[in-house]
Amino acid sequence: MGFLMPGQSEDGLLRPGLGVKETIETDHVLRWDGDRLYVEQDVYHNGQLVHRKYKRGVTPAVAKAIARLVETASSDEATTGPAGQMRDGQGRTG
């Protein structure tokens, strides 16, 4: 199954208020819709699909960590070029 939500086992998450066992399937691909960062999930209750491509937003901490990775990669590319080539003082690679 991969990543498990808090309180979830390999068999799913028991939702006592609903009286169902909830399982989730995802491709773990981060998506951006222009406003928020999310992953798509198919949500099942007792094996029956109840939400197709549910958009679960990532936490602010995860979004900030990803932003730092993107910024680091962008600044690395600005100094080394797209193929890891070093740039000279005028921004030319060589």
N, C-alpha and C. Protein backbone atom coordinates (compact mmCIF):
# COMPACT_ATOMS: atom_id res chain seq x y z
N MET A 1 0.81 -1.20 0.00
CA MET A 1 0.00 0.00 0.00
C MET A 1 0.85 1.25 0.00
N GLY A 2 2.04 1.25 0.59
CA GLY A 2 2.85 2.47 0.63
C GLY A 2 2.57 3.27 1.89
N PHE A 3 2.39 4.57 1.74
CA PHE A 3 2.17 5.48 2.86
C PHE A 3 0.83 5.21 3.53
N LEU A 4 0.83 5.16 4.85
CA LEU A 4 -0.40 4.94 5.61
C LEU A 4 -0.75 6.20 6.38
N MET A 5 -2.02 6.53 6.41
CA MET A 5 -2.51 7.66 7.19
C MET A 5 -2.49 7.28 8.67
N PRO A 6 -2.41 8.27 9.59
CA PRO A 6 -2.45 7.96 11.02
C PRO A 6 -3.71 7.15 11.35
N GLY A 7 -3.53 6.08 12.13
CA GLY A 7 -4.66 5.24 12.52
C GLY A 7 -5.04 4.21 11.47
N GLN A 8 -4.30 4.16 10.36
CA GLN A 8 -4.64 3.24 9.27
C GLN A 8 -3.70 2.04 9.32
N SER A 9 -4.24 0.87 9.03
CA SER A 9 -3.43 -0.34 8.94
C SER A 9 -3.38 -0.75 7.48
N GLU A 10 -2.65 -1.83 7.19
CA GLU A 10 -2.60 -2.34 5.82
C GLU A 10 -3.99 -2.71 5.33
N ASP A 11 -4.91 -3.03 6.26
CA ASP A 11 -6.27 -3.43 5.90
C ASP A 11 -7.21 -2.24 5.75
N GLY A 12 -6.74 -1.05 6.03
CA GLY A 12 -7.59 0.14 5.91
C GLY A 12 -7.77 0.82 7.25
N LEU A 13 -8.55 1.88 7.23
CA LEU A 13 -8.82 2.70 8.40
C LEU A 13 -10.26 2.48 8.82
N LEU A 14 -10.46 2.06 10.06
CA LEU A 14 -11.83 1.86 10.55
C LEU A 14 -12.44 3.22 10.87
N ARG A 15 -13.57 3.52 10.27
CA ARG A 15 -14.30 4.76 10.53
C ARG A 15 -15.50 4.42 11.41
N PRO A 16 -15.32 4.44 12.76
CA PRO A 16 -16.39 4.01 13.65
C PRO A 16 -17.69 4.81 13.50
N GLY A 17 -17.59 6.12 13.29
CA GLY A 17 -18.79 6.93 13.15
C GLY A 17 -19.61 6.54 11.93
N LEU A 18 -18.94 6.04 10.91
CA LEU A 18 -19.62 5.62 9.69
C LEU A 18 -19.88 4.12 9.66
N GLY A 19 -19.15 3.38 10.49
CA GLY A 19 -19.30 1.93 10.50
C GLY A 19 -18.72 1.28 9.25
N VAL A 20 -17.64 1.87 8.71
CA VAL A 20 -17.03 1.33 7.49
C VAL A 20 -15.52 1.24 7.65
N LYS A 21 -14.94 0.39 6.83
CA LYS A 21 -13.49 0.32 6.71
C LYS A 21 -13.11 1.12 5.47
N GLU A 22 -12.26 2.13 5.64
CA GLU A 22 -11.88 3.00 4.53
C GLU A 22 -10.49 2.63 4.03
N THR A 23 -10.37 2.44 2.73
CA THR A 23 -9.08 2.21 2.11
C THR A 23 -8.88 3.27 1.03
N ILE A 24 -7.61 3.55 0.74
CA ILE A 24 -7.26 4.60 -0.20
C ILE A 24 -6.25 4.07 -1.19
N GLU A 25 -6.45 4.41 -2.46
CA GLU A 25 -5.48 4.11 -3.50
C GLU A 25 -5.04 5.43 -4.12
N THR A 26 -3.74 5.55 -4.35
CA THR A 26 -3.19 6.77 -4.95
C THR A 26 -1.99 6.44 -5.80
N ASP A 27 -1.67 7.31 -6.76
CA ASP A 27 -0.46 7.14 -7.56
C ASP A 27 0.69 7.95 -6.98
N HIS A 28 0.46 8.68 -5.89
CA HIS A 28 1.47 9.46 -5.17
C HIS A 28 2.10 10.56 -6.04
N VAL A 29 1.36 11.04 -7.02
CA VAL A 29 1.86 12.12 -7.89
C VAL A 29 1.36 13.45 -7.33
N LEU A 30 2.29 14.36 -7.07
CA LEU A 30 1.90 15.69 -6.62
C LEU A 30 1.38 16.48 -7.81
N ARG A 31 0.28 17.18 -7.61
CA ARG A 31 -0.32 17.99 -8.66
C ARG A 31 -0.54 19.41 -8.15
N TRP A 32 -0.50 20.36 -9.07
CA TRP A 32 -0.71 21.77 -8.75
C TRP A 32 -1.83 22.27 -9.64
N ASP A 33 -2.88 22.86 -9.05
CA ASP A 33 -3.99 23.37 -9.85
C ASP A 33 -3.98 24.89 -9.98
N GLY A 34 -2.87 25.50 -9.61
CA GLY A 34 -2.75 26.95 -9.65
C GLY A 34 -3.01 27.59 -8.30
N ASP A 35 -3.69 26.87 -7.43
CA ASP A 35 -3.99 27.38 -6.08
C ASP A 35 -3.41 26.50 -4.98
N ARG A 36 -3.42 25.19 -5.22
CA ARG A 36 -2.97 24.30 -4.15
C ARG A 36 -2.25 23.08 -4.69
N LEU A 37 -1.46 22.48 -3.82
CA LEU A 37 -0.70 21.28 -4.11
C LEU A 37 -1.45 20.11 -3.51
N TYR A 38 -1.66 19.05 -4.27
CA TYR A 38 -2.47 17.93 -3.80
C TYR A 38 -2.07 16.63 -4.46
N VAL A 39 -2.57 15.52 -3.92
CA VAL A 39 -2.49 14.20 -4.56
C VAL A 39 -3.91 13.72 -4.80
N GLU A 40 -4.10 12.96 -5.86
CA GLU A 40 -5.42 12.40 -6.13
C GLU A 40 -5.51 11.03 -5.49
N GLN A 41 -6.66 10.75 -4.88
CA GLN A 41 -6.88 9.47 -4.22
C GLN A 41 -8.25 8.93 -4.57
N ASP A 42 -8.31 7.62 -4.73
CA ASP A 42 -9.59 6.93 -4.83
C ASP A 42 -9.89 6.40 -3.43
N VAL A 43 -11.06 6.73 -2.90
CA VAL A 43 -11.43 6.36 -1.53
C VAL A 43 -12.52 5.29 -1.59
N TYR A 44 -12.32 4.22 -0.85
CA TYR A 44 -13.26 3.11 -0.80
C TYR A 44 -13.80 2.92 0.61
N HIS A 45 -15.07 2.63 0.74
CA HIS A 45 -15.68 2.24 2.02
C HIS A 45 -16.16 0.81 1.86
N ASN A 46 -15.61 -0.07 2.70
CA ASN A 46 -15.91 -1.50 2.63
C ASN A 46 -15.74 -2.04 1.21
N GLY A 47 -14.72 -1.56 0.51
CA GLY A 47 -14.41 -2.06 -0.81
C GLY A 47 -15.16 -1.38 -1.94
N GLN A 48 -16.11 -0.51 -1.64
CA GLN A 48 -16.90 0.16 -2.68
C GLN A 48 -16.36 1.58 -2.88
N LEU A 49 -16.11 1.94 -4.14
CA LEU A 49 -15.60 3.27 -4.46
C LEU A 49 -16.61 4.35 -4.08
N VAL A 50 -16.19 5.31 -3.24
CA VAL A 50 -17.08 6.40 -2.85
C VAL A 50 -16.59 7.77 -3.31
N HIS A 51 -15.29 7.89 -3.56
CA HIS A 51 -14.72 9.15 -4.06
C HIS A 51 -13.66 8.82 -5.09
N ARG A 52 -13.86 9.27 -6.32
CA ARG A 52 -12.89 9.04 -7.39
C ARG A 52 -12.07 10.32 -7.57
N LYS A 53 -10.74 10.16 -7.56
CA LYS A 53 -9.81 11.29 -7.74
C LYS A 53 -10.07 12.40 -6.72
N TYR A 54 -10.29 12.00 -5.47
CA TYR A 54 -10.43 12.96 -4.38
C TYR A 54 -9.11 13.72 -4.25
N LYS A 55 -9.18 15.04 -4.17
CA LYS A 55 -7.99 15.87 -4.07
C LYS A 55 -7.65 16.10 -2.60
N ARG A 56 -6.62 15.41 -2.12
CA ARG A 56 -6.17 15.59 -0.73
C ARG A 56 -4.98 16.53 -0.75
N GLY A 57 -5.14 17.69 -0.13
CA GLY A 57 -4.07 18.68 -0.09
C GLY A 57 -2.92 18.21 0.78
N VAL A 58 -1.72 18.62 0.40
CA VAL A 58 -0.56 18.30 1.24
C VAL A 58 -0.53 19.29 2.40
N THR A 59 0.14 18.93 3.46
CA THR A 59 0.22 19.80 4.63
C THR A 59 1.12 21.00 4.32
N PRO A 60 0.94 22.10 5.03
CA PRO A 60 1.82 23.26 4.82
C PRO A 60 3.30 22.92 4.99
N ALA A 61 3.62 22.04 5.94
CA ALA A 61 5.02 21.67 6.15
C ALA A 61 5.59 20.95 4.93
N VAL A 62 4.81 20.06 4.32
CA VAL A 62 5.26 19.36 3.12
C VAL A 62 5.40 20.34 1.96
N ALA A 63 4.44 21.23 1.79
CA ALA A 63 4.49 22.22 0.72
C ALA A 63 5.74 23.10 0.85
N LYS A 64 6.08 23.51 2.08
CA LYS A 64 7.27 24.34 2.30
C LYS A 64 8.54 23.57 1.98
N ALA A 65 8.58 22.30 2.37
CA ALA A 65 9.76 21.47 2.08
C ALA A 65 9.94 21.31 0.57
N ILE A 66 8.85 21.10 -0.15
CA ILE A 66 8.93 20.97 -1.61
C ILE A 66 9.37 22.29 -2.24
N ALA A 67 8.86 23.40 -1.74
CA ALA A 67 9.25 24.71 -2.25
C ALA A 67 10.75 24.92 -2.08
N ARG A 68 11.31 24.52 -0.93
CA ARG A 68 12.75 24.64 -0.71
C ARG A 68 13.53 23.78 -1.71
N LEU A 69 13.03 22.56 -1.98
CA LEU A 69 13.70 21.70 -2.96
C LEU A 69 13.70 22.33 -4.35
N VAL A 70 12.56 22.90 -4.73
CA VAL A 70 12.46 23.54 -6.05
C VAL A 70 13.38 24.74 -6.13
N GLU A 71 13.42 25.56 -5.07
CA GLU A 71 14.29 26.73 -5.05
C GLU A 71 15.75 26.32 -5.15
N THR A 72 16.13 25.27 -4.42
CA THR A 72 17.51 24.79 -4.46
C THR A 72 17.86 24.29 -5.86
N ALA A 73 16.96 23.51 -6.46
CA ALA A 73 17.21 23.00 -7.80
C ALA A 73 17.30 24.14 -8.80
N SER A 74 16.46 25.16 -8.65
CA SER A 74 16.48 26.31 -9.57
C SER A 74 17.77 27.09 -9.43
N SER A 75 18.23 27.30 -8.20
CA SER A 75 19.47 28.06 -8.02
C SER A 75 20.67 27.24 -8.48
N ASP A 76 20.64 25.92 -8.31
CA ASP A 76 21.72 25.07 -8.80
C ASP A 76 21.79 25.13 -10.32
N GLU A 77 20.64 25.11 -10.98
CA GLU A 77 20.62 25.16 -12.44
C GLU A 77 21.08 26.53 -12.94
N ALA A 78 20.79 27.57 -12.18
CA ALA A 78 21.21 28.92 -12.59
C ALA A 78 22.74 29.04 -12.60
N THR A 79 23.43 28.29 -11.73
CA THR A 79 24.90 28.38 -11.68
C THR A 79 25.58 27.29 -12.50
N THR A 80 24.92 26.18 -12.73
CA THR A 80 25.58 25.08 -13.44
C THR A 80 25.01 24.83 -14.82
N GLY A 81 23.82 25.34 -15.13
CA GLY A 81 23.21 25.07 -16.43
C GLY A 81 22.39 23.80 -16.37
N PRO A 82 21.55 23.58 -17.39
CA PRO A 82 20.62 22.46 -17.35
C PRO A 82 21.27 21.09 -17.35
N ALA A 83 22.47 20.96 -17.91
CA ALA A 83 23.11 19.65 -17.96
C ALA A 83 24.26 19.55 -16.97
N GLY A 84 24.27 20.46 -15.98
CA GLY A 84 25.33 20.44 -14.99
C GLY A 84 26.61 21.12 -15.46
N GLN A 85 26.55 21.81 -16.61
CA GLN A 85 27.72 22.52 -17.12
C GLN A 85 27.89 23.82 -16.35
N MET A 86 29.11 24.18 -16.04
CA MET A 86 29.36 25.43 -15.31
C MET A 86 29.14 26.62 -16.24
N ARG A 87 28.55 27.69 -15.68
CA ARG A 87 28.33 28.92 -16.44
C ARG A 87 29.47 29.90 -16.17
N ASP A 88 29.78 30.69 -17.18
CA ASP A 88 30.78 31.74 -16.97
C ASP A 88 30.10 32.99 -16.41
N GLY A 89 30.80 34.07 -16.25
CA GLY A 89 30.27 35.30 -15.68
C GLY A 89 29.14 35.91 -16.46
N GLN A 90 29.03 35.63 -17.78
CA GLN A 90 27.96 36.19 -18.60
C GLN A 90 26.79 35.21 -18.75
N GLY A 91 26.75 34.14 -18.00
CA GLY A 91 25.65 33.20 -18.08
C GLY A 91 25.79 32.17 -19.19
N ARG A 92 26.96 32.14 -19.85
CA ARG A 92 27.18 31.17 -20.92
C ARG A 92 27.75 29.89 -20.32
N THR A 93 27.34 28.75 -20.89
CA THR A 93 27.91 27.48 -20.44
C THR A 93 29.08 27.11 -21.31
N GLY A 94 29.97 26.35 -20.74
CA GLY A 94 31.13 25.96 -21.52
C GLY A 94 31.76 24.72 -21.04
